[in-house]
Amino acid sequence: MDQGFRSLLDAIAAAVGDVPGDVADEHRRWHLYERAIVASAGLDPLQRAVAGEPDRALATTVVLRMLERVPDGEQAGWIERLQPADRATAERRAGEIRTLRRAGEGELTAAEAAGLIGTWSDWLQLRLAGQSTDPELLAILAALGRTRRIRNTATAVLKALSR
């Protein structure tokens, strides 16, 4: 493990009040990264560490978690830290998060949702079903959601709203 990467891990650990431990172990690195994400501490060295992370799946996981926490305008900076071959998943998730945020702000119309639901991932459909308070969107998800879990979640939230 190169010294520059090790220095970034040390900086993340210091920011969250931890010790890096055996950073050769990807589980230990994930623990450290997760603490930084949850605490919103050490995010600058975390972002730089993603580019040097030897485990590409771990780097992608960190970026996917961060995409939910940063404003839309900062998402590209995180995605760019991934290897080019790993960016498509993160770019798709960034778009899904923007859709989720639009729905939360009441900017996603029922007509738009009905036309797009077939292109949405299970992740997005389930998040919308669990978080939306828009009865029309929930009705669409209850009827057209890809999985039973999505349809049941939307139905339950819709019933709870009508009480």
C-alpha atoms as a PDB file:
ATOM      1  CA  MET A   1       0.000   0.000   0.000  1.00  0.00           C
ATOM      2  CA  ASP A   2       1.525   3.287  -1.044  1.00  0.00           C
ATOM      3  CA  GLN A   3       2.451   5.921   1.536  1.00  0.00           C
ATOM      4  CA  GLY A   4       0.202   8.618   0.023  1.00  0.00           C
ATOM      5  CA  PHE A   5      -2.845   6.390   0.330  1.00  0.00           C
ATOM      6  CA  ARG A   6      -1.827   5.444   3.875  1.00  0.00           C
ATOM      7  CA  SER A   7      -1.547   9.165   4.736  1.00  0.00           C
ATOM      8  CA  LEU A   8      -5.092   9.741   3.493  1.00  0.00           C
ATOM      9  CA  LEU A   9      -6.367   6.886   5.665  1.00  0.00           C
ATOM     10  CA  ASP A  10      -4.512   8.389   8.647  1.00  0.00           C
ATOM     11  CA  ALA A  11      -6.176  11.764   7.954  1.00  0.00           C
ATOM     12  CA  ILE A  12      -9.623  10.149   7.769  1.00  0.00           C
ATOM     13  CA  ALA A  13      -8.971   8.283  11.009  1.00  0.00           C
ATOM     14  CA  ALA A  14      -7.843  11.465  12.751  1.00  0.00           C
ATOM     15  CA  ALA A  15     -10.952  13.305  11.545  1.00  0.00           C
ATOM     16  CA  VAL A  16     -13.270  10.690  13.054  1.00  0.00           C
ATOM     17  CA  GLY A  17     -11.208  10.101  16.209  1.00  0.00           C
ATOM     18  CA  ASP A  18     -10.157   6.599  15.230  1.00  0.00           C
ATOM     19  CA  VAL A  19      -6.955   4.745  14.474  1.00  0.00           C
ATOM     20  CA  PRO A  20      -6.532   3.341  10.983  1.00  0.00           C
ATOM     21  CA  GLY A  21      -5.682  -0.156  12.200  1.00  0.00           C
ATOM     22  CA  ASP A  22      -4.853  -2.805   9.616  1.00  0.00           C
ATOM     23  CA  VAL A  23      -5.648  -0.864   6.472  1.00  0.00           C
ATOM     24  CA  ALA A  24      -4.598  -3.790   4.298  1.00  0.00           C
ATOM     25  CA  ASP A  25      -7.956  -5.297   5.310  1.00  0.00           C
ATOM     26  CA  GLU A  26     -10.776  -3.904   3.140  1.00  0.00           C
ATOM     27  CA  HIS A  27     -13.275  -4.504   5.963  1.00  0.00           C
ATOM     28  CA  ARG A  28     -11.252  -2.251   8.235  1.00  0.00           C
ATOM     29  CA  ARG A  29     -11.042   0.400   5.524  1.00  0.00           C
ATOM     30  CA  TRP A  30     -14.821   0.196   5.016  1.00  0.00           C
ATOM     31  CA  HIS A  31     -15.347   0.691   8.755  1.00  0.00           C
ATOM     32  CA  LEU A  32     -13.152   3.782   8.608  1.00  0.00           C
ATOM     33  CA  TYR A  33     -14.865   5.124   5.483  1.00  0.00           C
ATOM     34  CA  GLU A  34     -18.310   4.510   6.925  1.00  0.00           C
ATOM     35  CA  ARG A  35     -17.455   6.406  10.106  1.00  0.00           C
ATOM     36  CA  ALA A  36     -16.312   9.362   7.997  1.00  0.00           C
ATOM     37  CA  ILE A  37     -19.480   9.264   5.892  1.00  0.00           C
ATOM     38  CA  VAL A  38     -21.812   9.097   8.900  1.00  0.00           C
ATOM     39  CA  ALA A  39     -19.912  11.783  10.820  1.00  0.00           C
ATOM     40  CA  SER A  40     -19.405  13.969   7.715  1.00  0.00           C
ATOM     41  CA  ALA A  41     -15.808  14.275   8.840  1.00  0.00           C
ATOM     42  CA  GLY A  42     -12.641  13.824   6.855  1.00  0.00           C
ATOM     43  CA  LEU A  43     -14.547  14.017   3.584  1.00  0.00           C
ATOM     44  CA  ASP A  44     -11.749  15.716   1.633  1.00  0.00           C
ATOM     45  CA  PRO A  45      -9.222  12.941   2.344  1.00  0.00           C
ATOM     46  CA  LEU A  46     -12.014  10.393   1.876  1.00  0.00           C
ATOM     47  CA  GLN A  47     -12.738  11.722  -1.594  1.00  0.00           C
ATOM     48  CA  ARG A  48      -9.044  11.564  -2.477  1.00  0.00           C
ATOM     49  CA  ALA A  49      -8.734   8.063  -0.966  1.00  0.00           C
ATOM     50  CA  VAL A  50     -11.489   6.769  -3.257  1.00  0.00           C
ATOM     51  CA  ALA A  51      -9.210   7.344  -6.262  1.00  0.00           C
ATOM     52  CA  GLY A  52      -6.481   5.209  -4.671  1.00  0.00           C
ATOM     53  CA  GLU A  53      -8.715   2.559  -3.132  1.00  0.00           C
ATOM     54  CA  PRO A  54      -7.413  -0.815  -4.365  1.00  0.00           C
ATOM     55  CA  ASP A  55     -10.812  -2.512  -3.967  1.00  0.00           C
ATOM     56  CA  ARG A  56     -12.923  -1.082  -6.800  1.00  0.00           C
ATOM     57  CA  ALA A  57     -16.189  -2.378  -5.323  1.00  0.00           C
ATOM     58  CA  LEU A  58     -15.388  -0.667  -2.030  1.00  0.00           C
ATOM     59  CA  ALA A  59     -14.582   2.598  -3.825  1.00  0.00           C
ATOM     60  CA  THR A  60     -17.915   2.397  -5.668  1.00  0.00           C
ATOM     61  CA  THR A  61     -19.786   1.714  -2.430  1.00  0.00           C
ATOM     62  CA  VAL A  62     -18.245   4.787  -0.792  1.00  0.00           C
ATOM     63  CA  VAL A  63     -19.201   6.966  -3.753  1.00  0.00           C
ATOM     64  CA  LEU A  64     -22.769   5.613  -3.853  1.00  0.00           C
ATOM     65  CA  ARG A  65     -23.186   6.417  -0.152  1.00  0.00           C
ATOM     66  CA  MET A  66     -21.749   9.898  -0.603  1.00  0.00           C
ATOM     67  CA  LEU A  67     -24.005  10.697  -3.553  1.00  0.00           C
ATOM     68  CA  GLU A  68     -26.975  10.587  -1.190  1.00  0.00           C
ATOM     69  CA  ARG A  69     -25.309  13.018   1.198  1.00  0.00           C
ATOM     70  CA  VAL A  70     -23.939  15.712  -1.089  1.00  0.00           C
ATOM     71  CA  PRO A  71     -25.830  18.318  -3.113  1.00  0.00           C
ATOM     72  CA  ASP A  72     -26.435  17.542  -6.776  1.00  0.00           C
ATOM     73  CA  GLY A  73     -23.665  19.921  -7.819  1.00  0.00           C
ATOM     74  CA  GLU A  74     -21.047  17.976  -5.848  1.00  0.00           C
ATOM     75  CA  GLN A  75     -21.935  14.518  -7.117  1.00  0.00           C
ATOM     76  CA  ALA A  76     -19.714  14.688 -10.209  1.00  0.00           C
ATOM     77  CA  GLY A  77     -16.629  15.315  -8.068  1.00  0.00           C
ATOM     78  CA  TRP A  78     -17.187  12.032  -6.264  1.00  0.00           C
ATOM     79  CA  ILE A  79     -18.004  10.077  -9.419  1.00  0.00           C
ATOM     80  CA  GLU A  80     -14.819  11.313 -11.122  1.00  0.00           C
ATOM     81  CA  ARG A  81     -12.741   9.652  -8.384  1.00  0.00           C
ATOM     82  CA  LEU A  82     -13.839   6.222  -9.591  1.00  0.00           C
ATOM     83  CA  GLN A  83     -12.105   4.274 -12.311  1.00  0.00           C
ATOM     84  CA  PRO A  84     -13.754   5.094 -15.670  1.00  0.00           C
ATOM     85  CA  ALA A  85     -15.141   1.539 -15.948  1.00  0.00           C
ATOM     86  CA  ASP A  86     -16.906   1.946 -12.580  1.00  0.00           C
ATOM     87  CA  ARG A  87     -18.565   5.305 -13.188  1.00  0.00           C
ATOM     88  CA  ALA A  88     -21.733   4.156 -14.992  1.00  0.00           C
ATOM     89  CA  THR A  89     -23.287   2.720 -11.824  1.00  0.00           C
ATOM     90  CA  ALA A  90     -22.557   5.886  -9.872  1.00  0.00           C
ATOM     91  CA  GLU A  91     -23.835   8.137 -12.657  1.00  0.00           C
ATOM     92  CA  ARG A  92     -27.080   6.177 -12.775  1.00  0.00           C
ATOM     93  CA  ARG A  93     -27.464   6.420  -8.988  1.00  0.00           C
ATOM     94  CA  ALA A  94     -26.803  10.165  -9.089  1.00  0.00           C
ATOM     95  CA  GLY A  95     -29.667  10.536 -11.560  1.00  0.00           C
ATOM     96  CA  GLU A  96     -31.899   8.408  -9.347  1.00  0.00           C
ATOM     97  CA  ILE A  97     -31.060  10.534  -6.328  1.00  0.00           C
ATOM     98  CA  ARG A  98     -31.970  13.664  -8.285  1.00  0.00           C
ATOM     99  CA  THR A  99     -35.322  12.030  -9.163  1.00  0.00           C
ATOM    100  CA  LEU A 100     -35.850  11.108  -5.510  1.00  0.00           C
ATOM    101  CA  ARG A 101     -35.088  14.678  -4.451  1.00  0.00           C
ATOM    102  CA  ARG A 102     -37.420  16.089  -7.105  1.00  0.00           C
ATOM    103  CA  ALA A 103     -40.189  13.826  -5.807  1.00  0.00           C
ATOM    104  CA  GLY A 104     -39.519  15.002  -2.260  1.00  0.00           C
ATOM    105  CA  GLU A 105     -39.878  18.606  -3.395  1.00  0.00           C
ATOM    106  CA  GLY A 106     -43.139  17.854  -5.224  1.00  0.00           C
ATOM    107  CA  GLU A 107     -41.545  18.441  -8.643  1.00  0.00           C
ATOM    108  CA  LEU A 108     -42.140  14.950 -10.064  1.00  0.00           C
ATOM    109  CA  THR A 109     -45.529  14.793 -11.756  1.00  0.00           C
ATOM    110  CA  ALA A 110     -47.672  11.668 -11.808  1.00  0.00           C
ATOM    111  CA  ALA A 111     -47.664  11.702 -15.617  1.00  0.00           C
ATOM    112  CA  GLU A 112     -43.873  11.828 -15.672  1.00  0.00           C
ATOM    113  CA  ALA A 113     -43.676   9.017 -13.103  1.00  0.00           C
ATOM    114  CA  ALA A 114     -46.083   6.833 -15.079  1.00  0.00           C
ATOM    115  CA  GLY A 115     -43.955   7.275 -18.184  1.00  0.00           C
ATOM    116  CA  LEU A 116     -40.642   6.632 -16.452  1.00  0.00           C
ATOM    117  CA  ILE A 117     -41.408   3.954 -13.881  1.00  0.00           C
ATOM    118  CA  GLY A 118     -40.315   1.180 -16.236  1.00  0.00           C
ATOM    119  CA  THR A 119     -36.838   2.716 -16.482  1.00  0.00           C
ATOM    120  CA  TRP A 120     -36.398   3.151 -12.734  1.00  0.00           C
ATOM    121  CA  SER A 121     -34.307   0.705 -10.735  1.00  0.00           C
ATOM    122  CA  ASP A 122     -35.774  -1.317  -7.896  1.00  0.00           C
ATOM    123  CA  TRP A 123     -33.685   0.856  -5.546  1.00  0.00           C
ATOM    124  CA  LEU A 124     -35.380   4.048  -6.760  1.00  0.00           C
ATOM    125  CA  GLN A 125     -38.865   2.558  -6.856  1.00  0.00           C
ATOM    126  CA  LEU A 126     -38.530   1.251  -3.294  1.00  0.00           C
ATOM    127  CA  ARG A 127     -37.151   4.555  -2.021  1.00  0.00           C
ATOM    128  CA  LEU A 128     -39.987   6.469  -3.657  1.00  0.00           C
ATOM    129  CA  ALA A 129     -42.557   4.027  -2.281  1.00  0.00           C
ATOM    130  CA  GLY A 130     -41.199   4.427   1.238  1.00  0.00           C
ATOM    131  CA  GLN A 131     -40.581   8.169   1.223  1.00  0.00           C
ATOM    132  CA  SER A 132     -43.193   9.765  -0.996  1.00  0.00           C
ATOM    133  CA  THR A 133     -46.254  11.499   0.356  1.00  0.00           C
ATOM    134  CA  ASP A 134     -47.745  12.075  -3.094  1.00  0.00           C
ATOM    135  CA  PRO A 135     -50.869   9.884  -3.368  1.00  0.00           C
ATOM    136  CA  GLU A 136     -50.740   9.843  -7.176  1.00  0.00           C
ATOM    137  CA  LEU A 137     -47.108   8.711  -7.254  1.00  0.00           C
ATOM    138  CA  LEU A 138     -47.794   6.099  -4.581  1.00  0.00           C
ATOM    139  CA  ALA A 139     -50.798   4.791  -6.528  1.00  0.00           C
ATOM    140  CA  ILE A 140     -48.596   4.393  -9.617  1.00  0.00           C
ATOM    141  CA  LEU A 141     -45.969   2.537  -7.597  1.00  0.00           C
ATOM    142  CA  ALA A 142     -48.635   0.378  -5.934  1.00  0.00           C
ATOM    143  CA  ALA A 143     -49.979  -0.618  -9.336  1.00  0.00           C
ATOM    144  CA  LEU A 144     -46.835  -0.738 -11.471  1.00  0.00           C
ATOM    145  CA  GLY A 145     -43.937  -1.259  -9.066  1.00  0.00           C
ATOM    146  CA  ARG A 146     -41.542  -3.901 -10.341  1.00  0.00           C
ATOM    147  CA  THR A 147     -41.551  -6.113  -7.227  1.00  0.00           C
ATOM    148  CA  ARG A 148     -44.115  -7.210  -4.685  1.00  0.00           C
ATOM    149  CA  ARG A 149     -42.118  -5.419  -1.993  1.00  0.00           C
ATOM    150  CA  ILE A 150     -42.326  -2.107  -3.888  1.00  0.00           C
ATOM    151  CA  ARG A 151     -46.052  -2.498  -4.551  1.00  0.00           C
ATOM    152  CA  ASN A 152     -46.772  -3.498  -0.935  1.00  0.00           C
ATOM    153  CA  THR A 153     -44.698  -0.632   0.473  1.00  0.00           C
ATOM    154  CA  ALA A 154     -46.455   1.912  -1.739  1.00  0.00           C
ATOM    155  CA  THR A 155     -49.850   0.457  -0.802  1.00  0.00           C
ATOM    156  CA  ALA A 156     -49.059   0.594   2.918  1.00  0.00           C
ATOM    157  CA  VAL A 157     -47.830   4.190   2.753  1.00  0.00           C
ATOM    158  CA  LEU A 158     -50.852   5.173   0.676  1.00  0.00           C
ATOM    159  CA  LYS A 159     -53.190   3.615   3.273  1.00  0.00           C
ATOM    160  CA  ALA A 160     -51.332   5.343   6.112  1.00  0.00           C
ATOM    161  CA  LEU A 161     -51.693   8.699   4.348  1.00  0.00           C
ATOM    162  CA  SER A 162     -55.424   8.266   3.868  1.00  0.00           C
ATOM    163  CA  ARG A 163     -56.024   7.758   7.587  1.00  0.00           C
END
